PDB file of N, CA and C in Angstrom:
ATOM      1  N   SER A   1       2.277  19.397  -0.367  1.00  0.00           N
ATOM      2  CA  SER A   1       1.552  20.355   0.454  1.00  0.00           C
ATOM      3  C   SER A   1       0.846  19.618   1.585  1.00  0.00           C
ATOM      4  N   PHE A   2       0.559  20.323   2.603  1.00  0.00           N
ATOM      5  CA  PHE A   2      -0.059  19.735   3.791  1.00  0.00           C
ATOM      6  C   PHE A   2      -1.510  20.172   3.869  1.00  0.00           C
ATOM      7  N   PRO A   3      -2.431  19.310   4.046  1.00  0.00           N
ATOM      8  CA  PRO A   3      -2.400  17.850   4.038  1.00  0.00           C
ATOM      9  C   PRO A   3      -2.522  17.321   2.616  1.00  0.00           C
ATOM     10  N   SER A   4      -2.387  16.026   2.446  1.00  0.00           N
ATOM     11  CA  SER A   4      -2.495  15.401   1.132  1.00  0.00           C
ATOM     12  C   SER A   4      -3.951  15.394   0.674  1.00  0.00           C
ATOM     13  N   GLY A   5      -4.194  16.083  -0.421  1.00  0.00           N
ATOM     14  CA  GLY A   5      -5.543  16.106  -0.980  1.00  0.00           C
ATOM     15  C   GLY A   5      -5.967  14.749  -1.518  1.00  0.00           C
ATOM     16  N   HIS A   6      -5.003  14.002  -2.070  1.00  0.00           N
ATOM     17  CA  HIS A   6      -5.314  12.659  -2.553  1.00  0.00           C
ATOM     18  C   HIS A   6      -5.810  11.783  -1.404  1.00  0.00           C
ATOM     19  N   ALA A   7      -5.099  11.829  -0.290  1.00  0.00           N
ATOM     20  CA  ALA A   7      -5.470  11.008   0.865  1.00  0.00           C
ATOM     21  C   ALA A   7      -6.813  11.444   1.437  1.00  0.00           C
ATOM     22  N   MET A   8      -7.027  12.741   1.503  1.00  0.00           N
ATOM     23  CA  MET A   8      -8.276  13.250   2.059  1.00  0.00           C
ATOM     24  C   MET A   8      -9.463  12.859   1.173  1.00  0.00           C
ATOM     25  N   THR A   9      -9.318  13.029  -0.127  1.00  0.00           N
ATOM     26  CA  THR A   9     -10.405  12.723  -1.046  1.00  0.00           C
ATOM     27  C   THR A   9     -10.723  11.234  -1.071  1.00  0.00           C
ATOM     28  N   LEU A  10      -9.685  10.409  -1.184  1.00  0.00           N
ATOM     29  CA  LEU A  10      -9.926   8.971  -1.244  1.00  0.00           C
ATOM     30  C   LEU A  10     -10.540   8.457   0.051  1.00  0.00           C
ATOM     31  N   THR A  11     -10.068   8.944   1.177  1.00  0.00           N
ATOM     32  CA  THR A  11     -10.656   8.534   2.456  1.00  0.00           C
ATOM     33  C   THR A  11     -12.100   9.002   2.553  1.00  0.00           C
ATOM     34  N   GLY A  12     -12.359  10.218   2.098  1.00  0.00           N
ATOM     35  CA  GLY A  12     -13.714  10.746   2.124  1.00  0.00           C
ATOM     36  C   GLY A  12     -14.677   9.963   1.255  1.00  0.00           C
ATOM     37  N   VAL A  13     -14.180   9.377   0.190  1.00  0.00           N
ATOM     38  CA  VAL A  13     -15.017   8.554  -0.688  1.00  0.00           C
ATOM     39  C   VAL A  13     -15.170   7.140  -0.129  1.00  0.00           C
ATOM     40  N   LEU A  14     -14.073   6.586   0.385  1.00  0.00           N
ATOM     41  CA  LEU A  14     -14.102   5.197   0.842  1.00  0.00           C
ATOM     42  C   LEU A  14     -14.829   4.998   2.171  1.00  0.00           C
ATOM     43  N   ALA A  15     -14.771   5.961   3.063  1.00  0.00           N
ATOM     44  CA  ALA A  15     -15.389   5.794   4.384  1.00  0.00           C
ATOM     45  C   ALA A  15     -16.887   5.498   4.293  1.00  0.00           C
ATOM     46  N   PRO A  16     -17.663   6.257   3.531  1.00  0.00           N
ATOM     47  CA  PRO A  16     -19.092   5.926   3.437  1.00  0.00           C
ATOM     48  C   PRO A  16     -19.348   4.573   2.773  1.00  0.00           C
ATOM     49  N   ILE A  17     -18.496   4.203   1.817  1.00  0.00           N
ATOM     50  CA  ILE A  17     -18.658   2.905   1.156  1.00  0.00           C
ATOM     51  C   ILE A  17     -18.446   1.774   2.154  1.00  0.00           C
ATOM     52  N   VAL A  18     -17.398   1.902   2.966  1.00  0.00           N
ATOM     53  CA  VAL A  18     -17.103   0.872   3.967  1.00  0.00           C
ATOM     54  C   VAL A  18     -18.192   0.822   5.036  1.00  0.00           C
ATOM     55  N   ILE A  19     -18.726   1.969   5.398  1.00  0.00           N
ATOM     56  CA  ILE A  19     -19.803   1.998   6.394  1.00  0.00           C
ATOM     57  C   ILE A  19     -21.054   1.306   5.843  1.00  0.00           C
ATOM     58  N   ALA A  20     -21.383   1.588   4.583  1.00  0.00           N
ATOM     59  CA  ALA A  20     -22.583   1.004   3.985  1.00  0.00           C
ATOM     60  C   ALA A  20     -22.403  -0.474   3.657  1.00  0.00           C
ATOM     61  N   TRP A  21     -21.202  -0.851   3.222  1.00  0.00           N
ATOM     62  CA  TRP A  21     -20.919  -2.227   2.825  1.00  0.00           C
ATOM     63  C   TRP A  21     -19.627  -2.688   3.489  1.00  0.00           C
ATOM     64  N   PRO A  22     -19.708  -3.183   4.712  1.00  0.00           N
ATOM     65  CA  PRO A  22     -18.510  -3.579   5.463  1.00  0.00           C
ATOM     66  C   PRO A  22     -17.641  -4.625   4.763  1.00  0.00           C
ATOM     67  N   ALA A  23     -18.191  -5.390   3.857  1.00  0.00           N
ATOM     68  CA  ALA A  23     -17.404  -6.398   3.139  1.00  0.00           C
ATOM     69  C   ALA A  23     -16.328  -5.761   2.256  1.00  0.00           C
ATOM     70  N   THR A  24     -16.432  -4.464   2.009  1.00  0.00           N
ATOM     71  CA  THR A  24     -15.452  -3.771   1.166  1.00  0.00           C
ATOM     72  C   THR A  24     -14.258  -3.247   1.959  1.00  0.00           C
ATOM     73  N   THR A  25     -14.202  -3.525   3.250  1.00  0.00           N
ATOM     74  CA  THR A  25     -13.160  -2.962   4.110  1.00  0.00           C
ATOM     75  C   THR A  25     -11.757  -3.318   3.640  1.00  0.00           C
ATOM     76  N   LEU A  26     -11.510  -4.570   3.340  1.00  0.00           N
ATOM     77  CA  LEU A  26     -10.171  -4.987   2.923  1.00  0.00           C
ATOM     78  C   LEU A  26      -9.767  -4.328   1.609  1.00  0.00           C
ATOM     79  N   SER A  27     -10.658  -4.320   0.648  1.00  0.00           N
ATOM     80  CA  SER A  27     -10.360  -3.682  -0.637  1.00  0.00           C
ATOM     81  C   SER A  27     -10.091  -2.198  -0.462  1.00  0.00           C
ATOM     82  N   ALA A  28     -10.898  -1.542   0.348  1.00  0.00           N
ATOM     83  CA  ALA A  28     -10.720  -0.111   0.590  1.00  0.00           C
ATOM     84  C   ALA A  28      -9.394   0.162   1.281  1.00  0.00           C
ATOM     85  N   ALA A  29      -9.048  -0.664   2.250  1.00  0.00           N
ATOM     86  CA  ALA A  29      -7.781  -0.481   2.963  1.00  0.00           C
ATOM     87  C   ALA A  29      -6.595  -0.665   2.026  1.00  0.00           C
ATOM     88  N   LEU A  30      -6.653  -1.680   1.167  1.00  0.00           N
ATOM     89  CA  LEU A  30      -5.566  -1.899   0.210  1.00  0.00           C
ATOM     90  C   LEU A  30      -5.446  -0.741  -0.775  1.00  0.00           C
ATOM     91  N   LEU A  31      -6.566  -0.236  -1.231  1.00  0.00           N
ATOM     92  CA  LEU A  31      -6.554   0.903  -2.144  1.00  0.00           C
ATOM     93  C   LEU A  31      -5.963   2.134  -1.464  1.00  0.00           C
ATOM     94  N   LEU A  32      -6.389   2.389  -0.243  1.00  0.00           N
ATOM     95  CA  LEU A  32      -5.891   3.547   0.495  1.00  0.00           C
ATOM     96  C   LEU A  32      -4.399   3.420   0.792  1.00  0.00           C
ATOM     97  N   LEU A  33      -3.965   2.239   1.201  1.00  0.00           N
ATOM     98  CA  LEU A  33      -2.544   2.032   1.486  1.00  0.00           C
ATOM     99  C   LEU A  33      -1.689   2.168   0.231  1.00  0.00           C
ATOM    100  N   SER A  34      -2.174   1.680  -0.899  1.00  0.00           N
ATOM    101  CA  SER A  34      -1.393   1.803  -2.128  1.00  0.00           C
ATOM    102  C   SER A  34      -1.292   3.260  -2.571  1.00  0.00           C
ATOM    103  N   MET A  35      -2.374   4.020  -2.413  1.00  0.00           N
ATOM    104  CA  MET A  35      -2.318   5.440  -2.750  1.00  0.00           C
ATOM    105  C   MET A  35      -1.364   6.162  -1.813  1.00  0.00           C
ATOM    106  N   ALA A  36      -1.447   5.867  -0.519  1.00  0.00           N
ATOM    107  CA  ALA A  36      -0.568   6.519   0.456  1.00  0.00           C
ATOM    108  C   ALA A  36       0.891   6.203   0.157  1.00  0.00           C
ATOM    109  N   TRP A  37       1.180   4.947  -0.133  1.00  0.00           N
ATOM    110  CA  TRP A  37       2.551   4.556  -0.457  1.00  0.00           C
ATOM    111  C   TRP A  37       3.045   5.286  -1.699  1.00  0.00           C
ATOM    112  N   SER A  38       2.186   5.409  -2.716  1.00  0.00           N
ATOM    113  CA  SER A  38       2.611   6.073  -3.953  1.00  0.00           C
ATOM    114  C   SER A  38       2.924   7.546  -3.723  1.00  0.00           C
ATOM    115  N   ARG A  39       2.162   8.211  -2.875  1.00  0.00           N
ATOM    116  CA  ARG A  39       2.414   9.634  -2.612  1.00  0.00           C
ATOM    117  C   ARG A  39       3.745   9.819  -1.888  1.00  0.00           C
ATOM    118  N   ILE A  40       4.054   8.896  -0.975  1.00  0.00           N
ATOM    119  CA  ILE A  40       5.302   8.988  -0.213  1.00  0.00           C
ATOM    120  C   ILE A  40       6.482   8.526  -1.067  1.00  0.00           C
ATOM    121  N   ALA A  41       6.328   7.415  -1.793  1.00  0.00           N
ATOM    122  CA  ALA A  41       7.419   6.846  -2.591  1.00  0.00           C
ATOM    123  C   ALA A  41       7.854   7.770  -3.720  1.00  0.00           C
ATOM    124  N   THR A  42       6.926   8.542  -4.261  1.00  0.00           N
ATOM    125  CA  THR A  42       7.275   9.465  -5.340  1.00  0.00           C
ATOM    126  C   THR A  42       7.701  10.830  -4.812  1.00  0.00           C
ATOM    127  N   ALA A  43       7.828  10.936  -3.502  1.00  0.00           N
ATOM    128  CA  ALA A  43       8.283  12.158  -2.827  1.00  0.00           C
ATOM    129  C   ALA A  43       7.371  13.355  -3.075  1.00  0.00           C
ATOM    130  N   HIS A  44       6.093  13.089  -3.278  1.00  0.00           N
ATOM    131  CA  HIS A  44       5.134  14.188  -3.397  1.00  0.00           C
ATOM    132  C   HIS A  44       4.645  14.656  -2.031  1.00  0.00           C
ATOM    133  N   HIS A  45       4.702  13.755  -1.033  1.00  0.00           N
ATOM    134  CA  HIS A  45       4.263  14.088   0.317  1.00  0.00           C
ATOM    135  C   HIS A  45       5.122  13.379   1.343  1.00  0.00           C
ATOM    136  N   TYR A  46       5.166  13.956   2.525  1.00  0.00           N
ATOM    137  CA  TYR A  46       5.752  13.293   3.686  1.00  0.00           C
ATOM    138  C   TYR A  46       4.679  12.396   4.301  1.00  0.00           C
ATOM    139  N   PRO A  47       5.085  11.398   5.084  1.00  0.00           N
ATOM    140  CA  PRO A  47       4.087  10.550   5.745  1.00  0.00           C
ATOM    141  C   PRO A  47       3.093  11.348   6.593  1.00  0.00           C
ATOM    142  N   SER A  48       3.557  12.410   7.219  1.00  0.00           N
ATOM    143  CA  SER A  48       2.653  13.226   8.038  1.00  0.00           C
ATOM    144  C   SER A  48       1.588  13.913   7.187  1.00  0.00           C
ATOM    145  N   ASP A  49       1.927  14.293   5.966  1.00  0.00           N
ATOM    146  CA  ASP A  49       0.943  14.900   5.065  1.00  0.00           C
ATOM    147  C   ASP A  49      -0.168  13.908   4.737  1.00  0.00           C
ATOM    148  N   VAL A  50       0.247  12.673   4.439  1.00  0.00           N
ATOM    149  CA  VAL A  50      -0.723  11.633   4.092  1.00  0.00           C
ATOM    150  C   VAL A  50      -1.582  11.284   5.305  1.00  0.00           C
ATOM    151  N   ALA A  51      -0.952  11.151   6.461  1.00  0.00           N
ATOM    152  CA  ALA A  51      -1.699  10.829   7.682  1.00  0.00           C
ATOM    153  C   ALA A  51      -2.717  11.920   8.003  1.00  0.00           C
ATOM    154  N   ALA A  52      -2.327  13.168   7.840  1.00  0.00           N
ATOM    155  CA  ALA A  52      -3.255  14.273   8.097  1.00  0.00           C
ATOM    156  C   ALA A  52      -4.405  14.257   7.098  1.00  0.00           C
ATOM    157  N   GLY A  53      -4.119  13.942   5.843  1.00  0.00           N
ATOM    158  CA  GLY A  53      -5.170  13.853   4.836  1.00  0.00           C
ATOM    159  C   GLY A  53      -6.172  12.759   5.153  1.00  0.00           C
ATOM    160  N   VAL A  54      -5.665  11.605   5.580  1.00  0.00           N
ATOM    161  CA  VAL A  54      -6.548  10.499   5.954  1.00  0.00           C
ATOM    162  C   VAL A  54      -7.397  10.888   7.165  1.00  0.00           C
ATOM    163  N   ALA A  55      -6.773  11.512   8.146  1.00  0.00           N
ATOM    164  CA  ALA A  55      -7.502  11.916   9.355  1.00  0.00           C
ATOM    165  C   ALA A  55      -8.594  12.930   9.027  1.00  0.00           C
ATOM    166  N   LEU A  56      -8.275  13.909   8.203  1.00  0.00           N
ATOM    167  CA  LEU A  56      -9.282  14.910   7.837  1.00  0.00           C
ATOM    168  C   LEU A  56     -10.399  14.297   6.997  1.00  0.00           C
ATOM    169  N   GLY A  57     -10.035  13.455   6.047  1.00  0.00           N
ATOM    170  CA  GLY A  57     -11.048  12.803   5.215  1.00  0.00           C
ATOM    171  C   GLY A  57     -11.996  11.959   6.040  1.00  0.00           C
ATOM    172  N   ALA A  58     -11.437  11.178   6.957  1.00  0.00           N
ATOM    173  CA  ALA A  58     -12.271  10.336   7.820  1.00  0.00           C
ATOM    174  C   ALA A  58     -13.075  11.184   8.794  1.00  0.00           C
ATOM    175  N   GLY A  59     -12.438  12.198   9.343  1.00  0.00           N
ATOM    176  CA  GLY A  59     -13.111  13.050  10.319  1.00  0.00           C
ATOM    177  C   GLY A  59     -14.284  13.816   9.743  1.00  0.00           C
ATOM    178  N   LEU A  60     -14.210  14.136   8.459  1.00  0.00           N
ATOM    179  CA  LEU A  60     -15.305  14.864   7.819  1.00  0.00           C
ATOM    180  C   LEU A  60     -16.367  13.931   7.251  1.00  0.00           C
ATOM    181  N   SER A  61     -15.948  12.836   6.643  1.00  0.00           N
ATOM    182  CA  SER A  61     -16.927  11.993   5.960  1.00  0.00           C
ATOM    183  C   SER A  61     -17.611  10.984   6.874  1.00  0.00           C
ATOM    184  N   TYR A  62     -16.924  10.498   7.882  1.00  0.00           N
ATOM    185  CA  TYR A  62     -17.509   9.471   8.748  1.00  0.00           C
ATOM    186  C   TYR A  62     -18.790   9.950   9.435  1.00  0.00           C
ATOM    187  N   PRO A  63     -18.778  11.095  10.124  1.00  0.00           N
ATOM    188  CA  PRO A  63     -20.028  11.536  10.778  1.00  0.00           C
ATOM    189  C   PRO A  63     -21.148  11.811   9.776  1.00  0.00           C
ATOM    190  N   LEU A  64     -20.803  12.372   8.628  1.00  0.00           N
ATOM    191  CA  LEU A  64     -21.828  12.632   7.619  1.00  0.00           C
ATOM    192  C   LEU A  64     -22.418  11.331   7.095  1.00  0.00           C
ATOM    193  N   ALA A  65     -21.560  10.368   6.817  1.00  0.00           N
ATOM    194  CA  ALA A  65     -22.039   9.084   6.305  1.00  0.00           C
ATOM    195  C   ALA A  65     -22.902   8.367   7.335  1.00  0.00           C
ATOM    196  N   ARG A  66     -22.490   8.380   8.590  1.00  0.00           N
ATOM    197  CA  ARG A  66     -23.287   7.732   9.638  1.00  0.00           C
ATOM    198  C   ARG A  66     -24.656   8.401   9.749  1.00  0.00           C
ATOM    199  N   GLY A  67     -24.683   9.722   9.675  1.00  0.00           N
ATOM    200  CA  GLY A  67     -25.948  10.436   9.765  1.00  0.00           C
ATOM    201  C   GLY A  67     -26.864  10.150   8.593  1.00  0.00           C
ATOM    202  N   ILE A  68     -26.304  10.112   7.400  1.00  0.00           N
ATOM    203  CA  ILE A  68     -27.104   9.833   6.209  1.00  0.00           C
ATOM    204  C   ILE A  68     -27.600   8.396   6.223  1.00  0.00           C
ATOM    205  N   LEU A  69     -26.711   7.467   6.553  1.00  0.00           N
ATOM    206  CA  LEU A  69     -27.096   6.059   6.538  1.00  0.00           C
ATOM    207  C   LEU A  69     -28.096   5.714   7.636  1.00  0.00           C
ATOM    208  N   ALA A  70     -28.155   6.522   8.678  1.00  0.00           N
ATOM    209  CA  ALA A  70     -29.133   6.280   9.738  1.00  0.00           C
ATOM    210  C   ALA A  70     -30.562   6.446   9.216  1.00  0.00           C
ATOM    211  N   TYR A  71     -30.730   7.254   8.173  1.00  0.00           N
ATOM    212  CA  TYR A  71     -32.057   7.500   7.613  1.00  0.00           C
ATOM    213  C   TYR A  71     -32.281   6.791   6.288  1.00  0.00           C
ATOM    214  N   TRP A  72     -31.307   6.001   5.844  1.00  0.00           N
ATOM    215  CA  TRP A  72     -31.387   5.356   4.542  1.00  0.00           C
ATOM    216  C   TRP A  72     -32.127   4.076   4.634  1.00  0.00           C
TER     217      TRP A  72
END
């Protein structure tokens, strides 16, 4: 289904973590890439579904995380 809920959820969780702790960027990227690959490799999603999920997850969580962390 479009977009990938797995990609959206994982991106939404990882984005604030990476913003708060930049040292986790590589680990987060590897986790996200492995999840994206698994969704495509098992034919549960097309690459566009995963890309849209990542974009929506980042687009929703990034501004919220930046706003929250500005007051933290």
